[in-house]
Amino acid sequence: MSSSFLCPPSSYSLDDKVIGGVMPRFGYTRPRQTFSQFDPDTTQSSSSVSSTSIGHKRISQLDPTMETALKRSCTTEVEPQRKMKGSATRRERCRINQARYRQRQRQHEEELDAFIRHVHEEIQDLETQRQDILRYAPTNESVWVVATEYFRLFRYGFVAPVMVPESSASNSPSALINKWNQKTPPSNVQLDFLKKSMTADVTDGVVFGAEALLENWRLLSLYHDDVHVQLQRLEQIGDDSLRAVTTTSITITKNTLRHVYPHLDSEHSALAAKLLNQRLVMRGTVHFDWDNTSGRVVRVMSKVDALTPMLRLLGSLENVSTVFEKAMMTLEGRFSATEDAND
């Protein structure tokens, strides 16, 4: 085998017969052979640069695809986070709404419980009153019936009489006008009851007659607002005597100060200011004395305790004395003057 510096001994000679049967993939151009010194370092560096250039080229060709994939990946990662955040917000809102609803329910339940307790207390009080009445009720219940009816009719003080025309067979307009023009006296249920159940000379210890008793009720209701008398219990204190324990509530107005306490307007305006629009709750008693012969009540003595609530409002006995020194009403709730007060 021949050898030279162009053909090393380890290289085999190839001729056209060996490679002639291979189909060329592209046009072959025989490279020009240049003779230079062989530099391994330069060859390696060129190979690296070429390889790197090819790698950059491939990456640049794949950039659009990779960018789309990255966008999809980011979108896929952000979407669950957004859903989780929205779900957490909804859960928090639902939790707050449920807490408010439970609070309203608890408040409603507490109000119902308080109302039920109040109703039970009222029922218990009424049952106690009923038992007391049944316990002390005698065989002859006339005085008990009269006392019960008395407080039913005067529960809200004096009631103005109602005009009632006389009955007539004709209902024509002219007949109805004649009825009203006949000046029929008004029907007063309270006065009728007093006359029916009490003697003609019935007294409260000061005045006599059913009309005089009714006048005291009229003045009390005329000069005060929201008169309310509540019967607490009835007690038998003798064979022909009955005692009622009551609570009377009234409201002091400008009309009260002008008529019942007229001296407070100019002399003691500070005391008048303390009394204005105040609600007085006065405990009291009413005694009924029964006459078996006539079957009617002969005495009705009423007393209220105005001193206690007045002392609480005014602060001293001196102020209470000043208020009632020239007052039209006494501390026992009786009006000392029965002058006409239709205005």
Protein backbone atom coordinates (compact mmCIF):
# COMPACT_ATOMS: atom_id res chain seq x y z
CA MET A 1 0.00 0.00 0.00
CA SER A 2 1.37 3.32 -1.10
CA SER A 3 1.34 6.24 1.31
CA SER A 4 2.13 9.90 1.20
CA PHE A 5 1.60 13.01 3.30
CA LEU A 6 -1.78 13.45 1.55
CA CYS A 7 -2.91 9.92 2.13
CA PRO A 8 -2.12 8.56 5.56
CA PRO A 9 -1.53 4.89 5.96
CA SER A 10 -4.82 4.41 7.84
CA SER A 11 -6.88 5.87 5.02
CA TYR A 12 -8.34 3.59 2.36
CA SER A 13 -8.58 4.53 -1.25
CA LEU A 14 -12.12 4.85 -2.56
CA ASP A 15 -12.91 4.94 -6.19
CA ASP A 16 -16.05 5.71 -8.16
CA LYS A 17 -17.05 2.06 -8.22
CA VAL A 18 -17.56 2.00 -4.49
CA ILE A 19 -19.78 5.06 -4.21
CA GLY A 20 -21.25 5.06 -7.63
CA GLY A 21 -24.39 3.21 -6.61
CA VAL A 22 -25.42 5.75 -3.92
CA MET A 23 -28.11 8.25 -4.87
CA PRO A 24 -26.97 11.80 -4.04
CA ARG A 25 -29.38 13.76 -1.80
CA PHE A 26 -28.33 17.13 -3.13
CA GLY A 27 -25.89 18.41 -5.61
CA TYR A 28 -22.42 17.58 -4.57
CA THR A 29 -19.74 20.14 -4.90
CA ARG A 30 -16.28 19.04 -4.29
CA PRO A 31 -14.74 21.35 -1.77
CA ARG A 32 -11.66 23.14 -2.59
CA GLN A 33 -8.71 21.77 -0.81
CA THR A 34 -6.54 24.32 0.79
CA PHE A 35 -3.37 23.57 2.41
CA SER A 36 -2.79 25.26 5.69
CA GLN A 37 -1.55 24.44 9.02
CA PHE A 38 -4.00 22.42 11.09
CA ASP A 39 -5.08 24.20 14.31
CA PRO A 40 -7.11 21.95 16.56
CA ASP A 41 -8.16 24.79 18.84
CA THR A 42 -9.51 26.84 15.97
CA THR A 43 -11.37 23.88 14.55
CA GLN A 44 -12.98 23.11 17.93
CA SER A 45 -13.98 26.74 18.43
CA SER A 46 -15.52 26.96 14.99
CA SER A 47 -17.40 23.75 15.59
CA SER A 48 -18.75 25.12 18.88
CA VAL A 49 -19.79 28.38 17.31
CA SER A 50 -21.50 26.58 14.50
CA SER A 51 -23.30 24.28 16.88
CA THR A 52 -24.36 27.22 19.05
CA SER A 53 -25.62 29.13 16.07
CA ILE A 54 -27.65 26.16 14.99
CA GLY A 55 -29.09 25.82 18.49
CA HIS A 56 -30.12 29.48 18.59
CA LYS A 57 -31.66 29.15 15.22
CA ARG A 58 -33.76 26.17 16.30
CA ILE A 59 -34.88 27.99 19.46
CA SER A 60 -35.85 31.08 17.48
CA GLN A 61 -37.87 28.90 15.14
CA LEU A 62 -39.76 27.37 18.13
CA ASP A 63 -40.43 30.72 19.95
CA PRO A 64 -44.09 31.23 18.74
CA THR A 65 -45.09 27.72 19.76
CA MET A 66 -43.40 27.94 23.11
CA GLU A 67 -44.93 31.39 23.75
CA THR A 68 -48.42 30.02 23.08
CA ALA A 69 -47.74 27.09 25.38
CA LEU A 70 -46.50 29.39 28.10
CA LYS A 71 -49.57 31.60 27.77
CA ARG A 72 -51.84 28.60 28.04
CA SER A 73 -49.91 27.38 31.07
CA CYS A 74 -50.21 30.79 32.78
CA THR A 75 -53.90 31.02 31.94
CA THR A 76 -54.44 27.50 33.25
CA GLU A 77 -52.67 28.41 36.51
CA VAL A 78 -54.40 31.84 37.01
CA GLU A 79 -57.95 30.65 36.27
CA PRO A 80 -58.18 28.22 39.26
CA GLN A 81 -56.74 30.91 41.53
CA ARG A 82 -59.38 33.38 40.33
CA LYS A 83 -62.14 30.83 40.84
CA MET A 84 -60.85 30.01 44.31
CA LYS A 85 -60.75 33.72 45.24
CA GLY A 86 -64.32 34.28 43.96
CA SER A 87 -65.54 31.20 45.80
CA ALA A 88 -63.91 32.41 49.03
CA THR A 89 -65.57 35.83 48.63
CA ARG A 90 -68.98 34.23 48.13
CA ARG A 91 -68.49 32.00 51.15
CA GLU A 92 -67.54 35.01 53.27
CA ARG A 93 -70.61 36.95 52.07
CA CYS A 94 -72.87 33.99 52.80
CA ARG A 95 -71.31 33.62 56.23
CA ILE A 96 -72.01 37.30 57.04
CA ASN A 97 -75.60 37.06 55.77
CA GLN A 98 -76.21 33.92 57.80
CA ALA A 99 -74.79 35.59 60.92
CA ARG A 100 -77.11 38.58 60.45
CA TYR A 101 -80.08 36.29 59.89
CA ARG A 102 -79.29 34.30 63.03
CA GLN A 103 -78.95 37.57 64.98
CA ARG A 104 -82.38 38.73 63.80
CA GLN A 105 -83.84 35.36 64.67
CA ARG A 106 -82.35 35.46 68.16
CA GLN A 107 -83.63 39.02 68.69
CA HIS A 108 -87.09 38.00 67.52
CA GLU A 109 -87.07 34.99 69.84
CA GLU A 110 -86.00 37.17 72.78
CA GLU A 111 -88.81 39.63 72.07
CA LEU A 112 -91.32 36.79 71.86
CA ASP A 113 -90.03 35.31 75.11
CA ALA A 114 -90.32 38.68 76.86
CA PHE A 115 -93.86 39.15 75.52
CA ILE A 116 -94.86 35.64 76.59
CA ARG A 117 -93.46 36.24 80.08
CA HIS A 118 -95.40 39.51 80.29
CA VAL A 119 -98.61 37.78 79.23
CA HIS A 120 -98.05 35.00 81.75
CA GLU A 121 -97.54 37.59 84.50
CA GLU A 122 -100.77 39.36 83.55
CA ILE A 123 -102.62 36.04 83.49
CA GLN A 124 -101.23 35.21 86.92
CA ASP A 125 -102.31 38.60 88.30
CA LEU A 126 -105.81 38.21 86.88
CA GLU A 127 -106.04 34.69 88.25
CA THR A 128 -104.98 35.97 91.68
CA GLN A 129 -107.66 38.64 91.55
CA ARG A 130 -110.27 36.09 90.54
CA GLN A 131 -109.29 33.75 93.36
CA ASP A 132 -109.45 36.62 95.86
CA ILE A 133 -112.92 37.57 94.66
CA LEU A 134 -114.12 33.97 94.85
CA ARG A 135 -112.54 33.49 98.27
CA TYR A 136 -114.18 36.48 99.90
CA ALA A 137 -117.45 36.54 97.98
CA PRO A 138 -120.42 36.18 100.36
CA THR A 139 -123.68 34.40 99.69
CA ASN A 140 -125.42 37.70 98.92
CA GLU A 141 -123.34 39.00 95.99
CA SER A 142 -125.21 42.26 95.41
CA VAL A 143 -122.52 44.55 96.80
CA TRP A 144 -119.86 42.61 94.88
CA VAL A 145 -121.79 42.95 91.66
CA VAL A 146 -122.24 46.70 92.22
CA ALA A 147 -118.54 47.22 92.99
CA THR A 148 -117.42 45.22 89.95
CA GLU A 149 -119.75 47.12 87.64
CA TYR A 150 -118.71 50.43 89.19
CA PHE A 151 -115.05 49.93 88.21
CA ARG A 152 -115.98 48.62 84.79
CA LEU A 153 -117.93 51.80 83.99
CA PHE A 154 -115.38 54.20 85.53
CA ARG A 155 -112.27 52.45 84.31
CA TYR A 156 -111.40 55.38 82.04
CA GLY A 157 -112.91 58.11 84.18
CA PHE A 158 -115.91 60.18 83.20
CA VAL A 159 -117.64 59.39 79.90
CA ALA A 160 -119.58 62.19 78.24
CA PRO A 161 -123.30 61.50 77.80
CA VAL A 162 -124.64 60.50 74.38
CA MET A 163 -127.62 62.12 72.71
CA VAL A 164 -130.26 59.47 71.97
CA PRO A 165 -133.45 60.45 70.10
CA GLU A 166 -136.82 59.09 71.17
CA SER A 167 -138.12 56.10 69.31
CA SER A 168 -140.76 56.69 66.67
CA ALA A 169 -142.68 54.55 64.25
CA SER A 170 -141.95 56.90 61.36
CA ASN A 171 -138.48 56.95 59.83
CA SER A 172 -139.07 59.77 57.35
CA PRO A 173 -136.51 62.62 57.19
CA SER A 174 -138.96 65.08 58.72
CA ALA A 175 -139.67 62.71 61.59
CA LEU A 176 -135.95 62.24 62.25
CA ILE A 177 -135.43 66.02 62.31
CA ASN A 178 -138.28 66.36 64.79
CA LYS A 179 -136.63 63.75 67.01
CA TRP A 180 -133.45 65.80 67.35
CA ASN A 181 -135.37 69.03 67.77
CA GLN A 182 -137.27 67.63 70.76
CA LYS A 183 -134.10 68.19 72.88
CA THR A 184 -134.17 64.79 74.50
CA PRO A 185 -131.88 64.76 77.56
CA PRO A 186 -128.59 62.91 76.93
CA SER A 187 -128.24 59.33 78.07
CA ASN A 188 -125.53 58.94 80.69
CA VAL A 189 -124.82 55.30 81.43
CA GLN A 190 -122.66 56.12 84.44
CA LEU A 191 -125.25 58.37 86.07
CA ASP A 192 -128.01 55.86 85.39
CA PHE A 193 -125.96 53.15 87.09
CA LEU A 194 -125.29 55.31 90.17
CA LYS A 195 -128.97 56.15 90.54
CA LYS A 196 -130.02 52.54 90.08
CA SER A 197 -127.51 50.91 92.45
CA MET A 198 -127.21 53.62 95.13
CA THR A 199 -129.59 55.46 97.39
CA ALA A 200 -130.70 59.00 96.62
CA ASP A 201 -128.63 60.39 99.51
CA VAL A 202 -125.51 58.33 98.79
CA THR A 203 -122.43 60.15 100.01
CA ASP A 204 -118.66 60.11 99.78
CA GLY A 205 -118.32 61.75 103.18
CA VAL A 206 -118.46 65.31 101.79
CA VAL A 207 -121.17 65.58 99.13
CA PHE A 208 -124.50 63.78 98.67
CA GLY A 209 -126.29 62.35 95.67
CA ALA A 210 -125.32 60.48 92.53
CA GLU A 211 -124.85 63.73 90.57
CA ALA A 212 -122.31 65.04 93.11
CA LEU A 213 -120.32 61.80 92.94
CA LEU A 214 -120.29 61.94 89.17
CA GLU A 215 -119.15 65.58 89.21
CA ASN A 216 -115.91 64.60 90.97
CA TRP A 217 -115.23 62.07 88.22
CA ARG A 218 -116.01 64.70 85.57
CA LEU A 219 -113.53 67.22 86.97
CA LEU A 220 -110.82 64.59 87.31
CA SER A 221 -111.20 63.58 83.66
CA LEU A 222 -111.65 67.15 82.41
CA TYR A 223 -108.42 68.50 83.92
CA HIS A 224 -106.19 65.47 83.31
CA ASP A 225 -105.33 63.30 80.32
CA ASP A 226 -105.37 59.52 80.02
CA VAL A 227 -107.29 58.74 83.20
CA HIS A 228 -107.08 55.03 83.96
CA VAL A 229 -108.42 53.28 87.07
CA GLN A 230 -107.41 49.67 87.62
CA LEU A 231 -109.05 47.42 90.18
CA GLN A 232 -106.41 45.39 91.99
CA ARG A 233 -108.57 43.36 94.37
CA LEU A 234 -111.79 43.34 96.42
CA GLU A 235 -111.83 42.57 100.15
CA GLN A 236 -114.72 41.89 102.50
CA ILE A 237 -114.14 44.02 105.64
CA GLY A 238 -117.50 43.59 107.33
CA ASP A 239 -120.94 42.10 106.94
CA ASP A 240 -122.11 44.99 104.77
CA SER A 241 -118.83 46.61 103.73
CA LEU A 242 -116.48 46.00 100.85
CA ARG A 243 -113.08 47.54 100.16
CA ALA A 244 -111.51 47.83 96.71
CA VAL A 245 -107.78 48.38 96.24
CA THR A 246 -107.10 50.46 93.13
CA THR A 247 -104.39 52.13 91.06
CA THR A 248 -105.27 55.43 89.40
CA SER A 249 -103.06 56.91 86.67
CA ILE A 250 -103.37 60.47 85.30
CA THR A 251 -101.23 62.81 83.16
CA ILE A 252 -100.62 66.44 84.13
CA THR A 253 -101.00 68.86 81.20
CA LYS A 254 -101.04 72.61 80.67
CA ASN A 255 -104.79 72.45 81.22
CA THR A 256 -104.14 70.81 84.60
CA LEU A 257 -101.72 73.55 85.66
CA ARG A 258 -104.10 76.28 84.51
CA HIS A 259 -107.17 74.97 86.40
CA VAL A 260 -105.98 72.69 89.20
CA TYR A 261 -102.76 74.53 90.11
CA PRO A 262 -103.34 78.09 88.84
CA HIS A 263 -101.01 79.69 91.41
CA LEU A 264 -97.97 77.92 89.91
CA ASP A 265 -98.08 79.82 86.62
CA SER A 266 -96.70 83.08 88.01
CA GLU A 267 -95.37 82.40 91.50
CA HIS A 268 -93.70 79.03 91.13
CA SER A 269 -92.99 78.39 87.47
CA ALA A 270 -90.11 76.02 88.31
CA LEU A 271 -92.46 73.67 90.15
CA ALA A 272 -94.92 73.87 87.27
CA ALA A 273 -92.16 72.87 84.86
CA LYS A 274 -91.41 69.81 86.99
CA LEU A 275 -95.06 68.70 86.88
CA LEU A 276 -95.80 69.36 83.21
CA ASN A 277 -96.41 66.19 81.14
CA GLN A 278 -95.69 63.94 84.13
CA ARG A 279 -97.61 60.72 84.70
CA LEU A 280 -98.91 60.20 88.25
CA VAL A 281 -99.59 56.66 89.43
CA MET A 282 -101.56 56.78 92.68
CA ARG A 283 -102.58 53.86 94.84
CA GLY A 284 -105.93 54.12 96.56
CA THR A 285 -108.99 52.47 98.07
CA VAL A 286 -112.75 52.69 97.63
CA HIS A 287 -115.15 51.65 100.43
CA PHE A 288 -118.68 50.49 99.60
CA ASP A 289 -121.26 50.36 102.41
CA TRP A 290 -124.32 48.29 101.66
CA ASP A 291 -127.88 48.78 102.97
CA ASN A 292 -129.74 45.47 103.21
CA THR A 293 -133.10 47.21 103.65
CA SER A 294 -133.00 49.09 100.37
CA GLY A 295 -130.63 46.70 98.63
CA ARG A 296 -128.42 49.59 97.54
CA VAL A 297 -125.09 51.26 98.32
CA VAL A 298 -125.38 54.10 100.84
CA ARG A 299 -121.74 55.22 101.01
CA VAL A 300 -118.84 55.33 98.52
CA MET A 301 -115.63 56.73 100.02
CA SER A 302 -112.70 57.07 97.62
CA LYS A 303 -109.12 57.96 98.58
CA VAL A 304 -105.91 58.07 96.57
CA ASP A 305 -102.33 58.63 97.66
CA ALA A 306 -101.11 61.60 95.61
CA LEU A 307 -98.42 62.48 98.14
CA THR A 308 -96.02 59.67 97.24
CA PRO A 309 -95.72 60.35 93.48
CA MET A 310 -95.73 64.12 94.04
CA LEU A 311 -92.91 63.84 96.56
CA ARG A 312 -90.93 61.79 94.09
CA LEU A 313 -91.38 64.46 91.39
CA LEU A 314 -90.90 67.59 93.51
CA GLY A 315 -88.17 66.33 95.82
CA SER A 316 -89.33 67.77 99.15
CA LEU A 317 -92.39 68.07 101.35
CA GLU A 318 -92.05 71.83 101.23
CA ASN A 319 -92.52 71.84 97.47
CA VAL A 320 -95.49 69.46 97.76
CA SER A 321 -97.07 71.77 100.34
CA THR A 322 -96.55 74.75 98.05
CA VAL A 323 -98.15 72.95 95.11
CA PHE A 324 -101.28 71.86 97.03
CA GLU A 325 -101.61 74.99 99.17
CA LYS A 326 -103.98 76.66 96.71
CA ALA A 327 -104.74 73.67 94.49
CA MET A 328 -108.23 72.74 93.38
CA MET A 329 -107.58 69.04 94.13
CA THR A 330 -106.58 67.60 97.48
CA LEU A 331 -103.88 65.02 98.12
CA GLU A 332 -106.65 62.43 98.47
CA GLY A 333 -107.90 63.07 94.95
CA ARG A 334 -111.06 64.97 95.91
CA PHE A 335 -111.88 68.26 94.20
CA SER A 336 -112.55 71.00 96.71
CA ALA A 337 -114.45 73.16 94.20
CA THR A 338 -117.26 71.94 92.02
CA GLU A 339 -117.60 75.06 89.93
CA ASP A 340 -118.76 74.87 86.39
CA ALA A 341 -115.91 73.82 84.12
CA ASN A 342 -117.47 73.39 80.76
CA ASP A 343 -114.71 75.44 79.11
